[in-house]
Amino acid sequence: MPKKESIYKNAVVTCTCGNTFETLSTKDQIHVEVCHKCHPFYTGQATMQSRTGRAEKFNQKYGLKSNAGDADTANA
């Protein structure tokens, strides 16, 4: 019975952006859609979305007031 280390071999990982790198795997080639070179979080292109837009959309959908100050005084 072979050792687990012996079943791993060098594999070439290819991304859709064209980036390639080597790693150990049981397969010879691996194709991925997103890698560390093109992922928005790692490249700094990711933006934090505002949740206020969601709240306003909900309020408009159900005909509620969108003033946050009114909600605080109603609970007091």
PDB file of N, CA and C in Angstrom:
ATOM      1  N   MET A   1       0.847  -1.187   0.000  1.00  0.00           N
ATOM      2  CA  MET A   1       0.000   0.000   0.000  1.00  0.00           C
ATOM      3  C   MET A   1       0.888   1.244   0.000  1.00  0.00           C
ATOM      4  N   PRO A   2       0.707   2.156  -0.973  1.00  0.00           N
ATOM      5  CA  PRO A   2       1.579   3.329  -1.056  1.00  0.00           C
ATOM      6  C   PRO A   2       1.261   4.352   0.038  1.00  0.00           C
ATOM      7  N   LYS A   3       2.294   5.119   0.389  1.00  0.00           N
ATOM      8  CA  LYS A   3       2.108   6.194   1.354  1.00  0.00           C
ATOM      9  C   LYS A   3       1.330   7.327   0.712  1.00  0.00           C
ATOM     10  N   LYS A   4       0.650   8.129   1.540  1.00  0.00           N
ATOM     11  CA  LYS A   4      -0.146   9.240   0.995  1.00  0.00           C
ATOM     12  C   LYS A   4       0.725  10.266   0.291  1.00  0.00           C
ATOM     13  N   GLU A   5       1.953  10.468   0.783  1.00  0.00           N
ATOM     14  CA  GLU A   5       2.827  11.452   0.156  1.00  0.00           C
ATOM     15  C   GLU A   5       3.194  11.058  -1.268  1.00  0.00           C
ATOM     16  N   SER A   6       3.208   9.759  -1.546  1.00  0.00           N
ATOM     17  CA  SER A   6       3.633   9.311  -2.867  1.00  0.00           C
ATOM     18  C   SER A   6       2.536   9.483  -3.923  1.00  0.00           C
ATOM     19  N   ILE A   7       1.272   9.651  -3.513  1.00  0.00           N
ATOM     20  CA  ILE A   7       0.218   9.807  -4.518  1.00  0.00           C
ATOM     21  C   ILE A   7       0.111  11.250  -5.012  1.00  0.00           C
ATOM     22  N   TYR A   8       0.725  12.194  -4.308  1.00  0.00           N
ATOM     23  CA  TYR A   8       0.685  13.586  -4.731  1.00  0.00           C
ATOM     24  C   TYR A   8       1.820  13.869  -5.702  1.00  0.00           C
ATOM     25  N   LYS A   9       1.505  14.615  -6.751  1.00  0.00           N
ATOM     26  CA  LYS A   9       2.493  14.988  -7.751  1.00  0.00           C
ATOM     27  C   LYS A   9       2.317  16.459  -8.093  1.00  0.00           C
ATOM     28  N   ASN A  10       3.273  17.030  -8.778  1.00  0.00           N
ATOM     29  CA  ASN A  10       3.183  18.436  -9.172  1.00  0.00           C
ATOM     30  C   ASN A  10       2.042  18.613 -10.166  1.00  0.00           C
ATOM     31  N   ALA A  11       1.191  19.609  -9.896  1.00  0.00           N
ATOM     32  CA  ALA A  11       0.060  19.895 -10.771  1.00  0.00           C
ATOM     33  C   ALA A  11       0.116  21.358 -11.170  1.00  0.00           C
ATOM     34  N   VAL A  12      -0.279  21.635 -12.397  1.00  0.00           N
ATOM     35  CA  VAL A  12      -0.328  23.001 -12.904  1.00  0.00           C
ATOM     36  C   VAL A  12      -1.760  23.501 -12.773  1.00  0.00           C
ATOM     37  N   VAL A  13      -1.935  24.616 -12.048  1.00  0.00           N
ATOM     38  CA  VAL A  13      -3.243  25.226 -11.868  1.00  0.00           C
ATOM     39  C   VAL A  13      -3.339  26.380 -12.856  1.00  0.00           C
ATOM     40  N   THR A  14      -4.391  26.389 -13.668  1.00  0.00           N
ATOM     41  CA  THR A  14      -4.590  27.419 -14.676  1.00  0.00           C
ATOM     42  C   THR A  14      -5.904  28.135 -14.395  1.00  0.00           C
ATOM     43  N   CYS A  15      -5.838  29.463 -14.344  1.00  0.00           N
ATOM     44  CA  CYS A  15      -7.018  30.288 -14.112  1.00  0.00           C
ATOM     45  C   CYS A  15      -7.531  30.816 -15.451  1.00  0.00           C
ATOM     46  N   THR A  16      -8.787  31.243 -15.470  1.00  0.00           N
ATOM     47  CA  THR A  16      -9.343  31.807 -16.702  1.00  0.00           C
ATOM     48  C   THR A  16      -8.685  33.134 -17.070  1.00  0.00           C
ATOM     49  N   CYS A  17      -8.088  33.812 -16.076  1.00  0.00           N
ATOM     50  CA  CYS A  17      -7.405  35.076 -16.368  1.00  0.00           C
ATOM     51  C   CYS A  17      -6.050  34.855 -17.030  1.00  0.00           C
ATOM     52  N   GLY A  18      -5.575  33.595 -17.054  1.00  0.00           N
ATOM     53  CA  GLY A  18      -4.308  33.286 -17.692  1.00  0.00           C
ATOM     54  C   GLY A  18      -3.186  33.015 -16.701  1.00  0.00           C
ATOM     55  N   ASN A  19      -3.416  33.231 -15.434  1.00  0.00           N
ATOM     56  CA  ASN A  19      -2.409  32.991 -14.413  1.00  0.00           C
ATOM     57  C   ASN A  19      -2.229  31.485 -14.215  1.00  0.00           C
ATOM     58  N   THR A  20      -0.976  31.047 -14.070  1.00  0.00           N
ATOM     59  CA  THR A  20      -0.691  29.647 -13.792  1.00  0.00           C
ATOM     60  C   THR A  20       0.286  29.562 -12.629  1.00  0.00           C
ATOM     61  N   PHE A  21       0.148  28.511 -11.835  1.00  0.00           N
ATOM     62  CA  PHE A  21       1.098  28.225 -10.765  1.00  0.00           C
ATOM     63  C   PHE A  21       1.065  26.734 -10.489  1.00  0.00           C
ATOM     64  N   GLU A  22       2.072  26.262  -9.757  1.00  0.00           N
ATOM     65  CA  GLU A  22       2.181  24.835  -9.478  1.00  0.00           C
ATOM     66  C   GLU A  22       1.849  24.548  -8.025  1.00  0.00           C
ATOM     67  N   THR A  23       1.268  23.388  -7.804  1.00  0.00           N
ATOM     68  CA  THR A  23       0.950  22.917  -6.462  1.00  0.00           C
ATOM     69  C   THR A  23       0.985  21.394  -6.478  1.00  0.00           C
ATOM     70  N   LEU A  24       0.782  20.775  -5.347  1.00  0.00           N
ATOM     71  CA  LEU A  24       0.716  19.324  -5.271  1.00  0.00           C
ATOM     72  C   LEU A  24      -0.731  18.881  -5.309  1.00  0.00           C
ATOM     73  N   SER A  25      -1.008  17.849  -6.098  1.00  0.00           N
ATOM     74  CA  SER A  25      -2.358  17.331  -6.220  1.00  0.00           C
ATOM     75  C   SER A  25      -2.304  15.906  -6.746  1.00  0.00           C
ATOM     76  N   THR A  26      -3.435  15.244  -6.716  1.00  0.00           N
ATOM     77  CA  THR A  26      -3.526  13.910  -7.307  1.00  0.00           C
ATOM     78  C   THR A  26      -3.794  13.993  -8.803  1.00  0.00           C
ATOM     79  N   LYS A  27      -4.147  15.177  -9.296  1.00  0.00           N
ATOM     80  CA  LYS A  27      -4.399  15.394 -10.722  1.00  0.00           C
ATOM     81  C   LYS A  27      -3.202  16.084 -11.357  1.00  0.00           C
ATOM     82  N   ASP A  28      -3.094  15.993 -12.679  1.00  0.00           N
ATOM     83  CA  ASP A  28      -1.999  16.636 -13.404  1.00  0.00           C
ATOM     84  C   ASP A  28      -2.276  18.108 -13.667  1.00  0.00           C
ATOM     85  N   GLN A  29      -3.521  18.432 -14.035  1.00  0.00           N
ATOM     86  CA  GLN A  29      -3.900  19.802 -14.347  1.00  0.00           C
ATOM     87  C   GLN A  29      -5.189  20.149 -13.630  1.00  0.00           C
ATOM     88  N   ILE A  30      -5.266  21.415 -13.156  1.00  0.00           N
ATOM     89  CA  ILE A  30      -6.462  21.912 -12.489  1.00  0.00           C
ATOM     90  C   ILE A  30      -6.832  23.234 -13.148  1.00  0.00           C
ATOM     91  N   HIS A  31      -8.098  23.391 -13.492  1.00  0.00           N
ATOM     92  CA  HIS A  31      -8.587  24.637 -14.089  1.00  0.00           C
ATOM     93  C   HIS A  31      -9.540  25.299 -13.090  1.00  0.00           C
ATOM     94  N   VAL A  32      -9.275  26.579 -12.781  1.00  0.00           N
ATOM     95  CA  VAL A  32     -10.111  27.323 -11.850  1.00  0.00           C
ATOM     96  C   VAL A  32     -10.633  28.583 -12.524  1.00  0.00           C
ATOM     97  N   GLU A  33     -11.752  29.106 -12.010  1.00  0.00           N
ATOM     98  CA  GLU A  33     -12.347  30.311 -12.578  1.00  0.00           C
ATOM     99  C   GLU A  33     -11.760  31.579 -11.977  1.00  0.00           C
ATOM    100  N   VAL A  34     -11.400  31.543 -10.697  1.00  0.00           N
ATOM    101  CA  VAL A  34     -10.898  32.722  -9.993  1.00  0.00           C
ATOM    102  C   VAL A  34      -9.665  32.334  -9.198  1.00  0.00           C
ATOM    103  N   CYS A  35      -8.627  33.159  -9.281  1.00  0.00           N
ATOM    104  CA  CYS A  35      -7.406  32.918  -8.510  1.00  0.00           C
ATOM    105  C   CYS A  35      -7.065  34.164  -7.695  1.00  0.00           C
ATOM    106  N   HIS A  36      -5.933  34.130  -7.002  1.00  0.00           N
ATOM    107  CA  HIS A  36      -5.549  35.261  -6.164  1.00  0.00           C
ATOM    108  C   HIS A  36      -5.164  36.495  -6.982  1.00  0.00           C
ATOM    109  N   LYS A  37      -4.882  36.338  -8.247  1.00  0.00           N
ATOM    110  CA  LYS A  37      -4.524  37.484  -9.089  1.00  0.00           C
ATOM    111  C   LYS A  37      -5.741  38.216  -9.649  1.00  0.00           C
ATOM    112  N   CYS A  38      -6.884  37.535  -9.776  1.00  0.00           N
ATOM    113  CA  CYS A  38      -8.048  38.175 -10.383  1.00  0.00           C
ATOM    114  C   CYS A  38      -9.251  38.282  -9.441  1.00  0.00           C
ATOM    115  N   HIS A  39      -9.160  37.738  -8.231  1.00  0.00           N
ATOM    116  CA  HIS A  39     -10.280  37.830  -7.291  1.00  0.00           C
ATOM    117  C   HIS A  39     -10.395  39.257  -6.770  1.00  0.00           C
ATOM    118  N   PRO A  40     -11.595  39.869  -6.767  1.00  0.00           N
ATOM    119  CA  PRO A  40     -11.759  41.269  -6.361  1.00  0.00           C
ATOM    120  C   PRO A  40     -11.293  41.546  -4.932  1.00  0.00           C
ATOM    121  N   PHE A  41     -11.436  40.614  -4.017  1.00  0.00           N
ATOM    122  CA  PHE A  41     -11.018  40.850  -2.635  1.00  0.00           C
ATOM    123  C   PHE A  41      -9.509  41.005  -2.539  1.00  0.00           C
ATOM    124  N   TYR A  42      -8.762  40.169  -3.219  1.00  0.00           N
ATOM    125  CA  TYR A  42      -7.304  40.195  -3.132  1.00  0.00           C
ATOM    126  C   TYR A  42      -6.689  41.291  -3.985  1.00  0.00           C
ATOM    127  N   THR A  43      -7.384  41.740  -5.031  1.00  0.00           N
ATOM    128  CA  THR A  43      -6.832  42.790  -5.882  1.00  0.00           C
ATOM    129  C   THR A  43      -7.177  44.184  -5.373  1.00  0.00           C
ATOM    130  N   GLY A  44      -8.057  44.280  -4.370  1.00  0.00           N
ATOM    131  CA  GLY A  44      -8.432  45.579  -3.826  1.00  0.00           C
ATOM    132  C   GLY A  44      -9.560  46.243  -4.577  1.00  0.00           C
ATOM    133  N   GLN A  45     -10.189  45.563  -5.487  1.00  0.00           N
ATOM    134  CA  GLN A  45     -11.285  46.139  -6.260  1.00  0.00           C
ATOM    135  C   GLN A  45     -12.643  45.887  -5.615  1.00  0.00           C
ATOM    136  N   ALA A  46     -12.666  45.122  -4.529  1.00  0.00           N
ATOM    137  CA  ALA A  46     -13.924  44.833  -3.847  1.00  0.00           C
ATOM    138  C   ALA A  46     -14.418  46.082  -3.134  1.00  0.00           C
ATOM    139  N   THR A  47     -15.712  46.304  -3.180  1.00  0.00           N
ATOM    140  CA  THR A  47     -16.302  47.446  -2.501  1.00  0.00           C
ATOM    141  C   THR A  47     -17.320  46.954  -1.495  1.00  0.00           C
ATOM    142  N   MET A  48     -17.410  47.646  -0.389  1.00  0.00           N
ATOM    143  CA  MET A  48     -18.399  47.301   0.617  1.00  0.00           C
ATOM    144  C   MET A  48     -19.719  47.931   0.196  1.00  0.00           C
ATOM    145  N   GLN A  49     -20.763  47.138   0.142  1.00  0.00           N
ATOM    146  CA  GLN A  49     -22.055  47.647  -0.278  1.00  0.00           C
ATOM    147  C   GLN A  49     -22.785  48.233   0.916  1.00  0.00           C
ATOM    148  N   SER A  50     -23.455  49.311   0.678  1.00  0.00           N
ATOM    149  CA  SER A  50     -24.212  49.986   1.713  1.00  0.00           C
ATOM    150  C   SER A  50     -25.510  49.248   1.969  1.00  0.00           C
ATOM    151  N   ARG A  51     -25.842  49.041   3.222  1.00  0.00           N
ATOM    152  CA  ARG A  51     -27.092  48.372   3.563  1.00  0.00           C
ATOM    153  C   ARG A  51     -28.250  49.358   3.624  1.00  0.00           C
ATOM    154  N   THR A  52     -27.955  50.653   3.588  1.00  0.00           N
ATOM    155  CA  THR A  52     -29.042  51.630   3.633  1.00  0.00           C
ATOM    156  C   THR A  52     -29.907  51.523   2.391  1.00  0.00           C
ATOM    157  N   GLY A  53     -29.330  51.167   1.270  1.00  0.00           N
ATOM    158  CA  GLY A  53     -30.104  50.998   0.045  1.00  0.00           C
ATOM    159  C   GLY A  53     -31.116  49.881   0.181  1.00  0.00           C
ATOM    160  N   ARG A  54     -30.736  48.821   0.871  1.00  0.00           N
ATOM    161  CA  ARG A  54     -31.659  47.707   1.074  1.00  0.00           C
ATOM    162  C   ARG A  54     -32.812  48.114   1.979  1.00  0.00           C
ATOM    163  N   ALA A  55     -32.497  48.861   3.033  1.00  0.00           N
ATOM    164  CA  ALA A  55     -33.541  49.294   3.960  1.00  0.00           C
ATOM    165  C   ALA A  55     -34.522  50.236   3.265  1.00  0.00           C
ATOM    166  N   GLU A  56     -34.003  51.149   2.464  1.00  0.00           N
ATOM    167  CA  GLU A  56     -34.874  52.080   1.742  1.00  0.00           C
ATOM    168  C   GLU A  56     -35.756  51.335   0.752  1.00  0.00           C
ATOM    169  N   LYS A  57     -35.212  50.329   0.086  1.00  0.00           N
ATOM    170  CA  LYS A  57     -35.988  49.551  -0.866  1.00  0.00           C
ATOM    171  C   LYS A  57     -37.115  48.800  -0.143  1.00  0.00           C
ATOM    172  N   PHE A  58     -36.801  48.237   1.027  1.00  0.00           N
ATOM    173  CA  PHE A  58     -37.817  47.539   1.823  1.00  0.00           C
ATOM    174  C   PHE A  58     -38.918  48.507   2.255  1.00  0.00           C
ATOM    175  N   ASN A  59     -38.523  49.698   2.733  1.00  0.00           N
ATOM    176  CA  ASN A  59     -39.501  50.690   3.192  1.00  0.00           C
ATOM    177  C   ASN A  59     -40.407  51.161   2.050  1.00  0.00           C
ATOM    178  N   GLN A  60     -39.840  51.349   0.867  1.00  0.00           N
ATOM    179  CA  GLN A  60     -40.643  51.772  -0.267  1.00  0.00           C
ATOM    180  C   GLN A  60     -41.594  50.663  -0.706  1.00  0.00           C
ATOM    181  N   LYS A  61     -41.143  49.430  -0.616  1.00  0.00           N
ATOM    182  CA  LYS A  61     -41.964  48.301  -1.048  1.00  0.00           C
ATOM    183  C   LYS A  61     -43.214  48.161  -0.184  1.00  0.00           C
ATOM    184  N   TYR A  62     -43.061  48.385   1.125  1.00  0.00           N
ATOM    185  CA  TYR A  62     -44.175  48.209   2.046  1.00  0.00           C
ATOM    186  C   TYR A  62     -44.778  49.526   2.526  1.00  0.00           C
ATOM    187  N   GLY A  63     -44.360  50.644   1.924  1.00  0.00           N
ATOM    188  CA  GLY A  63     -44.946  51.937   2.226  1.00  0.00           C
ATOM    189  C   GLY A  63     -44.643  52.439   3.626  1.00  0.00           C
ATOM    190  N   LEU A  64     -43.474  52.107   4.148  1.00  0.00           N
ATOM    191  CA  LEU A  64     -43.073  52.552   5.477  1.00  0.00           C
ATOM    192  C   LEU A  64     -42.255  53.831   5.367  1.00  0.00           C
ATOM    193  N   LYS A  65     -42.172  54.565   6.478  1.00  0.00           N
ATOM    194  CA  LYS A  65     -41.343  55.768   6.495  1.00  0.00           C
ATOM    195  C   LYS A  65     -39.880  55.352   6.577  1.00  0.00           C
ATOM    196  N   SER A  66     -39.037  56.114   5.919  1.00  0.00           N
ATOM    197  CA  SER A  66     -37.619  55.757   5.878  1.00  0.00           C
ATOM    198  C   SER A  66     -36.782  56.551   6.862  1.00  0.00           C
ATOM    199  N   ASN A  67     -37.403  57.354   7.728  1.00  0.00           N
ATOM    200  CA  ASN A  67     -36.628  58.140   8.694  1.00  0.00           C
ATOM    201  C   ASN A  67     -36.221  57.251   9.845  1.00  0.00           C
ATOM    202  N   ALA A  68     -34.910  57.187  10.116  1.00  0.00           N
ATOM    203  CA  ALA A  68     -34.413  56.354  11.206  1.00  0.00           C
ATOM    204  C   ALA A  68     -34.731  56.997  12.552  1.00  0.00           C
ATOM    205  N   GLY A  69     -34.832  58.306  12.603  1.00  0.00           N
ATOM    206  CA  GLY A  69     -35.122  59.020  13.848  1.00  0.00           C
ATOM    207  C   GLY A  69     -36.516  58.724  14.362  1.00  0.00           C
ATOM    208  N   ASP A  70     -37.481  58.531  13.467  1.00  0.00           N
ATOM    209  CA  ASP A  70     -38.846  58.221  13.880  1.00  0.00           C
ATOM    210  C   ASP A  70     -38.935  56.844  14.542  1.00  0.00           C
ATOM    211  N   ALA A  71     -38.116  55.907  14.069  1.00  0.00           N
ATOM    212  CA  ALA A  71     -38.141  54.562  14.640  1.00  0.00           C
ATOM    213  C   ALA A  71     -37.597  54.556  16.055  1.00  0.00           C
ATOM    214  N   ASP A  72     -36.608  55.406  16.338  1.00  0.00           N
ATOM    215  CA  ASP A  72     -36.030  55.461  17.681  1.00  0.00           C
ATOM    216  C   ASP A  72     -37.019  56.052  18.679  1.00  0.00           C
ATOM    217  N   THR A  73     -37.773  57.061  18.287  1.00  0.00           N
ATOM    218  CA  THR A  73     -38.725  57.683  19.205  1.00  0.00           C
ATOM    219  C   THR A  73     -39.960  56.818  19.407  1.00  0.00           C
ATOM    220  N   ALA A  74     -40.288  55.980  18.440  1.00  0.00           N
ATOM    221  CA  ALA A  74     -41.468  55.123  18.564  1.00  0.00           C
ATOM    222  C   ALA A  74     -41.225  54.009  19.575  1.00  0.00           C
ATOM    223  N   ASN A  75     -39.966  53.567  19.687  1.00  0.00           N
ATOM    224  CA  ASN A  75     -39.634  52.482  20.619  1.00  0.00           C
ATOM    225  C   ASN A  75     -39.498  52.985  22.051  1.00  0.00           C
ATOM    226  N   ALA A  76     -39.354  54.276  22.265  1.00  0.00           N
ATOM    227  CA  ALA A  76     -39.111  54.814  23.614  1.00  0.00           C
ATOM    228  C   ALA A  76     -40.353  54.846  24.453  1.00  0.00           C
TER     229      ALA A  76
END
